[in-house]
Amino acid sequence: MAKNKQIDNQTDFFDKPQNIKIMMLAFYALCVLLVVLDFIVHRHVYVDFEKVPTFYALYGFIACVVLVVLAKIMRKAVMRDENYYDDRSENNTVQESTQNDNSGENV
């Protein structure tokens, strides 16, 4: 029993704010490093617009924005009511139980 209480009192790595700060600083440092390397590392480009510095970062960002916008548009087309499946299952359950009750009366 004492072991369970000890486990409940432990904090995980992501529960400590100082660990989150360290991870975020490392992430930002990595982002800055990658942008700096984009100006230094020679790339073998196939088309002229790939020569633009940070082209791949901009391309990735724009692609993500387009995906989000398309998802919002698609949501309107494929979205169902909140109780779409609940109504159907409740009606079937009520009908089945009614049929079972009626079949018992005929016996």
C-alpha atoms as a PDB file:
ATOM      1  CA  MET A   1       0.000   0.000   0.000  1.00  0.00           C
ATOM      2  CA  ALA A   2       2.847   2.375   0.824  1.00  0.00           C
ATOM      3  CA  LYS A   3       4.356   1.723  -2.582  1.00  0.00           C
ATOM      4  CA  ASN A   4       1.186   2.933  -4.350  1.00  0.00           C
ATOM      5  CA  LYS A   5       1.215   6.177  -2.366  1.00  0.00           C
ATOM      6  CA  GLN A   6       4.848   6.716  -3.281  1.00  0.00           C
ATOM      7  CA  ILE A   7       4.072   6.277  -6.988  1.00  0.00           C
ATOM      8  CA  ASP A   8       1.166   8.750  -6.789  1.00  0.00           C
ATOM      9  CA  ASN A   9       3.411  11.425  -5.250  1.00  0.00           C
ATOM     10  CA  GLN A  10       6.098  11.165  -7.944  1.00  0.00           C
ATOM     11  CA  THR A  11       6.185  13.859 -10.577  1.00  0.00           C
ATOM     12  CA  ASP A  12       6.977  13.030 -14.145  1.00  0.00           C
ATOM     13  CA  PHE A  13       9.545  14.773 -16.320  1.00  0.00           C
ATOM     14  CA  PHE A  14       6.919  16.905 -18.095  1.00  0.00           C
ATOM     15  CA  ASP A  15       5.250  17.985 -14.841  1.00  0.00           C
ATOM     16  CA  LYS A  16       8.174  20.188 -13.824  1.00  0.00           C
ATOM     17  CA  PRO A  17       8.052  23.694 -15.343  1.00  0.00           C
ATOM     18  CA  GLN A  18      11.864  23.966 -15.371  1.00  0.00           C
ATOM     19  CA  ASN A  19      12.078  20.899 -17.639  1.00  0.00           C
ATOM     20  CA  ILE A  20       9.549  22.412 -20.033  1.00  0.00           C
ATOM     21  CA  LYS A  21      11.564  25.652 -20.148  1.00  0.00           C
ATOM     22  CA  ILE A  22      14.752  23.717 -20.934  1.00  0.00           C
ATOM     23  CA  MET A  23      13.012  21.756 -23.700  1.00  0.00           C
ATOM     24  CA  MET A  24      11.527  24.913 -25.238  1.00  0.00           C
ATOM     25  CA  LEU A  25      14.905  26.672 -25.170  1.00  0.00           C
ATOM     26  CA  ALA A  26      16.510  23.657 -26.850  1.00  0.00           C
ATOM     27  CA  PHE A  27      13.752  23.659 -29.476  1.00  0.00           C
ATOM     28  CA  TYR A  28      14.203  27.378 -30.195  1.00  0.00           C
ATOM     29  CA  ALA A  29      17.984  26.962 -30.375  1.00  0.00           C
ATOM     30  CA  LEU A  30      17.543  24.114 -32.853  1.00  0.00           C
ATOM     31  CA  CYS A  31      15.231  26.261 -34.993  1.00  0.00           C
ATOM     32  CA  VAL A  32      17.741  29.127 -35.033  1.00  0.00           C
ATOM     33  CA  LEU A  33      20.557  26.719 -35.868  1.00  0.00           C
ATOM     34  CA  LEU A  34      18.606  25.280 -38.801  1.00  0.00           C
ATOM     35  CA  VAL A  35      17.848  28.752 -40.185  1.00  0.00           C
ATOM     36  CA  VAL A  36      21.512  29.719 -39.925  1.00  0.00           C
ATOM     37  CA  LEU A  37      22.570  26.466 -41.603  1.00  0.00           C
ATOM     38  CA  ASP A  38      20.125  27.203 -44.420  1.00  0.00           C
ATOM     39  CA  PHE A  39      22.328  30.165 -45.385  1.00  0.00           C
ATOM     40  CA  ILE A  40      25.583  28.213 -45.037  1.00  0.00           C
ATOM     41  CA  VAL A  41      24.944  24.742 -46.473  1.00  0.00           C
ATOM     42  CA  HIS A  42      25.029  24.430 -50.241  1.00  0.00           C
ATOM     43  CA  ARG A  43      21.873  22.897 -51.686  1.00  0.00           C
ATOM     44  CA  HIS A  44      21.525  21.297 -55.090  1.00  0.00           C
ATOM     45  CA  VAL A  45      18.496  23.108 -56.451  1.00  0.00           C
ATOM     46  CA  TYR A  46      16.478  22.051 -59.470  1.00  0.00           C
ATOM     47  CA  VAL A  47      14.362  25.167 -59.982  1.00  0.00           C
ATOM     48  CA  ASP A  48      15.239  28.811 -59.426  1.00  0.00           C
ATOM     49  CA  PHE A  49      12.765  29.561 -56.634  1.00  0.00           C
ATOM     50  CA  GLU A  50      14.494  26.958 -54.426  1.00  0.00           C
ATOM     51  CA  LYS A  51      17.415  29.389 -54.177  1.00  0.00           C
ATOM     52  CA  VAL A  52      15.354  31.650 -51.914  1.00  0.00           C
ATOM     53  CA  PRO A  53      16.719  31.440 -48.359  1.00  0.00           C
ATOM     54  CA  THR A  54      14.345  29.594 -45.995  1.00  0.00           C
ATOM     55  CA  PHE A  55      12.342  28.353 -48.994  1.00  0.00           C
ATOM     56  CA  TYR A  56      11.654  24.950 -47.446  1.00  0.00           C
ATOM     57  CA  ALA A  57      10.536  26.464 -44.134  1.00  0.00           C
ATOM     58  CA  LEU A  58       8.143  28.802 -45.926  1.00  0.00           C
ATOM     59  CA  TYR A  59       6.914  25.989 -48.161  1.00  0.00           C
ATOM     60  CA  GLY A  60       6.222  23.762 -45.153  1.00  0.00           C
ATOM     61  CA  PHE A  61       4.428  26.532 -43.258  1.00  0.00           C
ATOM     62  CA  ILE A  62       2.228  27.431 -46.217  1.00  0.00           C
ATOM     63  CA  ALA A  63       1.421  23.739 -46.812  1.00  0.00           C
ATOM     64  CA  CYS A  64       0.306  23.354 -43.170  1.00  0.00           C
ATOM     65  CA  VAL A  65      -1.888  26.457 -43.375  1.00  0.00           C
ATOM     66  CA  VAL A  66      -3.490  25.157 -46.578  1.00  0.00           C
ATOM     67  CA  LEU A  67      -4.157  21.782 -44.923  1.00  0.00           C
ATOM     68  CA  VAL A  68      -5.877  23.457 -41.967  1.00  0.00           C
ATOM     69  CA  VAL A  69      -8.041  25.618 -44.216  1.00  0.00           C
ATOM     70  CA  LEU A  70      -9.011  22.620 -46.354  1.00  0.00           C
ATOM     71  CA  ALA A  71      -9.843  20.615 -43.234  1.00  0.00           C
ATOM     72  CA  LYS A  72     -12.175  23.370 -42.031  1.00  0.00           C
ATOM     73  CA  ILE A  73     -13.924  23.409 -45.408  1.00  0.00           C
ATOM     74  CA  MET A  74     -14.184  19.615 -45.497  1.00  0.00           C
ATOM     75  CA  ARG A  75     -15.556  19.593 -41.955  1.00  0.00           C
ATOM     76  CA  LYS A  76     -18.633  21.477 -43.129  1.00  0.00           C
ATOM     77  CA  ALA A  77     -19.211  18.913 -45.868  1.00  0.00           C
ATOM     78  CA  VAL A  78     -18.767  15.717 -43.853  1.00  0.00           C
ATOM     79  CA  MET A  79     -19.828  16.787 -40.356  1.00  0.00           C
ATOM     80  CA  ARG A  80     -22.785  14.971 -38.789  1.00  0.00           C
ATOM     81  CA  ASP A  81     -25.054  15.999 -35.936  1.00  0.00           C
ATOM     82  CA  GLU A  82     -23.704  15.509 -32.458  1.00  0.00           C
ATOM     83  CA  ASN A  83     -26.153  12.676 -31.767  1.00  0.00           C
ATOM     84  CA  TYR A  84     -25.971  11.095 -35.220  1.00  0.00           C
ATOM     85  CA  TYR A  85     -25.067   7.629 -33.957  1.00  0.00           C
ATOM     86  CA  ASP A  86     -26.782   7.916 -30.559  1.00  0.00           C
ATOM     87  CA  ASP A  87     -30.241   8.517 -32.045  1.00  0.00           C
ATOM     88  CA  ARG A  88     -29.964   5.523 -34.327  1.00  0.00           C
ATOM     89  CA  SER A  89     -28.735   3.176 -31.579  1.00  0.00           C
ATOM     90  CA  GLU A  90     -31.384   4.385 -29.081  1.00  0.00           C
ATOM     91  CA  ASN A  91     -34.198   3.896 -31.593  1.00  0.00           C
ATOM     92  CA  ASN A  92     -33.006   0.391 -32.452  1.00  0.00           C
ATOM     93  CA  THR A  93     -32.667  -0.507 -28.779  1.00  0.00           C
ATOM     94  CA  VAL A  94     -36.172   0.767 -28.000  1.00  0.00           C
ATOM     95  CA  GLN A  95     -37.645  -1.079 -30.987  1.00  0.00           C
ATOM     96  CA  GLU A  96     -35.859  -4.319 -30.127  1.00  0.00           C
ATOM     97  CA  SER A  97     -36.941  -4.190 -26.486  1.00  0.00           C
ATOM     98  CA  THR A  98     -40.534  -3.446 -27.554  1.00  0.00           C
ATOM     99  CA  GLN A  99     -40.475  -6.403 -29.933  1.00  0.00           C
ATOM    100  CA  ASN A 100     -39.065  -8.658 -27.205  1.00  0.00           C
ATOM    101  CA  ASP A 101     -41.785  -7.530 -24.780  1.00  0.00           C
ATOM    102  CA  ASN A 102     -44.515  -8.159 -27.353  1.00  0.00           C
ATOM    103  CA  SER A 103     -43.228 -11.621 -28.219  1.00  0.00           C
ATOM    104  CA  GLY A 104     -43.485 -12.624 -24.543  1.00  0.00           C
ATOM    105  CA  GLU A 105     -47.199 -11.667 -24.443  1.00  0.00           C
ATOM    106  CA  ASN A 106     -48.060 -13.999 -27.346  1.00  0.00           C
ATOM    107  CA  VAL A 107     -46.828 -17.074 -25.524  1.00  0.00           C
END
